[in-house]
Amino acid sequence: MGIVSYTMETLPSVNEKELDMAAALKDEDIDCSDIPEINNLTGLRPRHIRETNEPEKAADIFNLDADIAVL
């Protein structure tokens, strides 16, 4: 089977029978051999963060000794 690609306009519709067939599939019956394995997830961010173009926020926690005066 070759590569198949669709746009939202050319995507074929799905009927109830096809949805029932997909729901009945067991995980072990699905062939994922053509999907490459992702080993490094460090550069990935959740979609809601990736699409906003906002910098990631980080929390800094400091433990201060009691003899340090806070102004």
Protein backbone atom coordinates (compact mmCIF):
# COMPACT_ATOMS: atom_id res chain seq x y z
CA MET A 1 0.00 0.00 0.00
CA GLY A 2 1.35 3.41 -0.94
CA ILE A 3 1.09 6.68 0.92
CA VAL A 4 -2.41 8.11 1.01
CA SER A 5 -3.06 11.72 1.93
CA TYR A 6 -6.25 13.73 2.24
CA THR A 7 -7.29 17.29 2.90
CA MET A 8 -10.36 18.19 4.93
CA GLU A 9 -12.24 18.72 1.66
CA THR A 10 -11.30 15.34 0.13
CA LEU A 11 -11.55 13.23 3.29
CA PRO A 12 -14.06 10.43 2.68
CA SER A 13 -17.04 10.22 5.01
CA VAL A 14 -17.30 7.40 7.56
CA ASN A 15 -20.50 5.46 8.11
CA GLU A 16 -21.76 3.69 11.24
CA LYS A 17 -20.73 0.23 9.97
CA GLU A 18 -17.11 1.38 9.53
CA LEU A 19 -17.11 2.96 12.99
CA ASP A 20 -18.41 -0.28 14.52
CA MET A 21 -15.71 -2.28 12.69
CA ALA A 22 -12.99 0.05 13.97
CA ALA A 23 -14.34 -0.11 17.53
CA ALA A 24 -14.34 -3.92 17.41
CA LEU A 25 -10.63 -4.12 16.51
CA LYS A 26 -8.31 -5.33 19.23
CA ASP A 27 -5.04 -3.46 19.78
CA GLU A 28 -2.99 -6.51 18.78
CA ASP A 29 -4.85 -6.72 15.44
CA ILE A 30 -3.75 -3.23 14.36
CA ASP A 31 -0.63 -3.24 12.17
CA CYS A 32 1.63 -0.36 13.24
CA SER A 33 4.77 -1.71 11.58
CA ASP A 34 4.96 1.21 9.12
CA ILE A 35 4.87 3.86 11.86
CA PRO A 36 8.35 4.94 12.99
CA GLU A 37 9.12 4.68 16.68
CA ILE A 38 9.67 7.97 18.53
CA ASN A 39 12.56 7.62 20.96
CA ASN A 40 13.28 11.23 21.88
CA LEU A 41 10.36 13.26 23.24
CA THR A 42 12.39 16.04 24.85
CA GLY A 43 11.68 18.59 22.09
CA LEU A 44 7.94 17.97 21.96
CA ARG A 45 5.46 20.24 23.70
CA PRO A 46 1.71 19.80 24.09
CA ARG A 47 -0.30 21.25 21.20
CA HIS A 48 -1.99 23.97 23.30
CA ILE A 49 1.46 25.33 24.25
CA ARG A 50 3.01 24.82 20.81
CA GLU A 51 0.25 26.75 19.01
CA THR A 52 0.20 29.80 21.30
CA ASN A 53 3.84 30.84 20.70
CA GLU A 54 4.06 31.77 24.35
CA PRO A 55 7.26 30.94 26.21
CA GLU A 56 7.11 28.06 28.63
CA LYS A 57 6.81 29.10 32.27
CA ALA A 58 8.94 27.66 35.03
CA ALA A 59 8.46 27.84 38.79
CA ASP A 60 11.47 28.56 40.98
CA ILE A 61 11.37 27.45 44.60
CA PHE A 62 13.86 28.76 47.13
CA ASN A 63 14.39 27.58 50.66
CA LEU A 64 15.62 30.43 52.87
CA ASP A 65 17.14 30.09 56.29
CA ALA A 66 15.35 31.84 59.15
CA ASP A 67 18.26 34.27 59.69
CA ILE A 68 17.79 35.90 56.27
CA ALA A 69 15.80 39.14 56.46
CA VAL A 70 13.06 39.58 53.90
CA LEU A 71 12.51 43.18 52.89
